[in-house]
Amino acid sequence: MKTQPYFEDIRVGEEIPLQVREPLSTRSLVKWAAAVRDFYEVHYDKDFARSIGLRDVIAHGPNKCALLGRLMTEWIGEAGRLHRLSCTHKASNFPGETLVCRGRVKDKYSKDGRHYVECEVWVENQDGVVAAPGAATVSLPSRG
């Protein structure tokens, strides 16, 4: 079982433990498409993707945001709360790429009895190309 992080233990500039996902596959993209009912051909039909100028099918943008949500909720533990998560989609990801979810603490403060941590988060591929930068606000329990 993971150790619960506490507000007092968090430092500005601290890196959130990264998560390396399995390499993307067309099969995983089709499974995500079915789960969210997004059957736009660019996510599963290679010929269609090429016809619009892509080299292959691409991962769904919201999937990358969901991965960032998982990064944060696993980091904050059972007693933490995710209050805000946002991301933008800056680059496409293709089958065979490995997605890496990363984050860094930007600020921390207490307000109205809660202890907040502001983070920058992002998804990058195995070459370090940032595909989905974002931000998250969480609250953590206090030791005091």
Protein backbone atom coordinates (compact mmCIF):
# COMPACT_ATOMS: atom_id res chain seq x y z
CA MET A 1 0.00 0.00 0.00
CA LYS A 2 1.23 3.49 -0.93
CA THR A 3 2.12 5.94 1.84
CA GLN A 4 -0.29 8.86 2.22
CA PRO A 5 1.38 12.20 1.37
CA TYR A 6 0.76 15.08 3.79
CA PHE A 7 0.68 18.78 3.01
CA GLU A 8 3.64 19.54 5.28
CA ASP A 9 5.85 17.06 3.43
CA ILE A 10 5.31 18.58 -0.02
CA ARG A 11 7.89 21.04 -1.41
CA VAL A 12 7.46 23.53 -4.25
CA GLY A 13 9.46 22.23 -7.21
CA GLU A 14 9.02 18.61 -6.12
CA GLU A 15 8.47 16.13 -8.94
CA ILE A 16 5.39 13.94 -8.81
CA PRO A 17 6.37 10.27 -9.30
CA LEU A 18 6.09 9.67 -13.03
CA GLN A 19 3.94 6.98 -14.59
CA VAL A 20 5.07 5.16 -17.71
CA ARG A 21 2.19 3.62 -19.66
CA GLU A 22 2.37 0.60 -21.97
CA PRO A 23 3.05 1.45 -25.61
CA LEU A 24 -0.04 2.61 -27.49
CA SER A 25 -1.62 0.10 -29.85
CA THR A 26 -4.42 0.38 -32.38
CA ARG A 27 -6.27 -2.13 -30.21
CA SER A 28 -6.02 0.12 -27.14
CA LEU A 29 -7.26 3.07 -29.20
CA VAL A 30 -10.29 1.07 -30.39
CA LYS A 31 -11.04 0.04 -26.79
CA TRP A 32 -10.95 3.68 -25.67
CA ALA A 33 -13.17 4.65 -28.63
CA ALA A 34 -15.73 2.05 -27.58
CA ALA A 35 -15.63 3.15 -23.95
CA VAL A 36 -16.34 6.80 -24.77
CA ARG A 37 -18.37 6.15 -27.95
CA ASP A 38 -16.03 8.22 -30.13
CA PHE A 39 -15.76 6.42 -33.43
CA TYR A 40 -14.10 9.10 -35.52
CA GLU A 41 -12.04 7.17 -38.06
CA VAL A 42 -8.82 9.01 -37.24
CA HIS A 43 -8.53 6.82 -34.13
CA TYR A 44 -8.75 3.39 -35.80
CA ASP A 45 -8.60 3.61 -39.63
CA LYS A 46 -5.01 4.01 -40.80
CA ASP A 47 -6.00 4.73 -44.42
CA PHE A 48 -8.35 7.49 -43.30
CA ALA A 49 -5.70 8.97 -41.00
CA ARG A 50 -3.21 9.02 -43.86
CA SER A 51 -5.77 10.60 -46.20
CA ILE A 52 -5.91 13.64 -43.90
CA GLY A 53 -2.14 13.95 -43.60
CA LEU A 54 -1.31 11.88 -40.52
CA ARG A 55 1.25 9.08 -40.55
CA ASP A 56 -1.03 6.70 -38.59
CA VAL A 57 -4.08 6.64 -36.35
CA ILE A 58 -3.87 8.87 -33.27
CA ALA A 59 -4.68 8.58 -29.59
CA HIS A 60 -7.76 10.36 -28.24
CA GLY A 61 -6.97 13.66 -26.53
CA PRO A 62 -9.32 13.01 -23.59
CA ASN A 63 -7.51 9.73 -22.92
CA LYS A 64 -4.35 11.69 -22.18
CA CYS A 65 -6.24 13.95 -19.78
CA ALA A 66 -7.65 10.85 -18.07
CA LEU A 67 -4.11 9.53 -17.64
CA LEU A 68 -3.19 12.79 -15.90
CA GLY A 69 -6.18 12.33 -13.60
CA ARG A 70 -4.87 8.91 -12.70
CA LEU A 71 -1.38 10.31 -12.10
CA MET A 72 -2.78 12.81 -9.63
CA THR A 73 -5.27 10.58 -7.80
CA GLU A 74 -2.66 7.88 -7.29
CA TRP A 75 -0.18 10.46 -5.99
CA ILE A 76 -2.55 12.13 -3.48
CA GLY A 77 -3.69 8.88 -1.87
CA GLU A 78 -6.98 7.98 -0.21
CA ALA A 79 -7.22 11.13 1.92
CA GLY A 80 -6.34 13.55 -0.88
CA ARG A 81 -8.86 15.22 -3.18
CA LEU A 82 -8.55 16.27 -6.81
CA HIS A 83 -10.30 19.64 -7.16
CA ARG A 84 -9.32 20.72 -10.67
CA LEU A 85 -7.67 19.14 -13.69
CA SER A 86 -7.20 20.69 -17.10
CA CYS A 87 -5.11 19.86 -20.11
CA THR A 88 -4.69 20.89 -23.71
CA HIS A 89 -3.80 18.71 -26.65
CA LYS A 90 -0.65 19.98 -28.36
CA ALA A 91 0.71 16.95 -30.23
CA SER A 92 -0.58 13.68 -31.63
CA ASN A 93 0.47 10.31 -30.27
CA PHE A 94 0.67 7.22 -32.44
CA PRO A 95 0.67 3.44 -31.95
CA GLY A 96 4.04 2.25 -30.68
CA GLU A 97 4.65 5.38 -28.62
CA THR A 98 5.04 5.11 -24.87
CA LEU A 99 3.24 7.81 -22.92
CA VAL A 100 4.88 9.18 -19.79
CA CYS A 101 2.78 11.15 -17.29
CA ARG A 102 4.69 13.69 -15.24
CA GLY A 103 4.07 16.56 -12.87
CA ARG A 104 5.68 19.13 -10.63
CA VAL A 105 4.49 21.09 -7.59
CA LYS A 106 4.16 24.80 -8.46
CA ASP A 107 2.61 26.20 -5.28
CA LYS A 108 1.02 25.23 -1.98
CA TYR A 109 -1.22 27.17 0.38
CA SER A 110 -3.92 26.81 3.01
CA LYS A 111 -7.36 28.38 2.65
CA ASP A 112 -10.63 27.86 4.49
CA GLY A 113 -9.23 24.94 6.45
CA ARG A 114 -7.98 23.05 3.37
CA HIS A 115 -4.41 22.52 2.27
CA TYR A 116 -4.02 23.00 -1.47
CA VAL A 117 -1.23 22.02 -3.84
CA GLU A 118 -1.08 23.48 -7.36
CA CYS A 119 0.74 21.36 -9.92
CA GLU A 120 1.76 21.52 -13.54
CA VAL A 121 1.18 18.17 -15.23
CA TRP A 122 1.86 16.83 -18.68
CA VAL A 123 1.91 13.78 -20.92
CA GLU A 124 4.98 13.30 -23.08
CA ASN A 125 6.12 10.52 -25.37
CA GLN A 126 9.24 8.42 -24.92
CA ASP A 127 11.28 11.12 -26.70
CA GLY A 128 10.18 13.86 -24.30
CA VAL A 129 7.78 15.55 -26.74
CA VAL A 130 5.02 17.11 -24.64
CA ALA A 131 1.63 16.14 -26.08
CA ALA A 132 -0.77 17.29 -23.34
CA PRO A 133 0.30 20.00 -20.88
CA GLY A 134 -2.04 20.82 -18.05
CA ALA A 135 -2.64 21.89 -14.48
CA ALA A 136 -4.12 20.31 -11.37
CA THR A 137 -5.21 21.48 -7.96
CA VAL A 138 -5.39 18.97 -5.13
CA SER A 139 -5.84 19.12 -1.40
CA LEU A 140 -3.94 16.96 1.04
CA PRO A 141 -4.45 16.13 4.70
CA SER A 142 -2.37 17.95 7.29
CA ARG A 143 -0.33 16.29 10.01
CA GLY A 144 -1.29 19.09 12.38
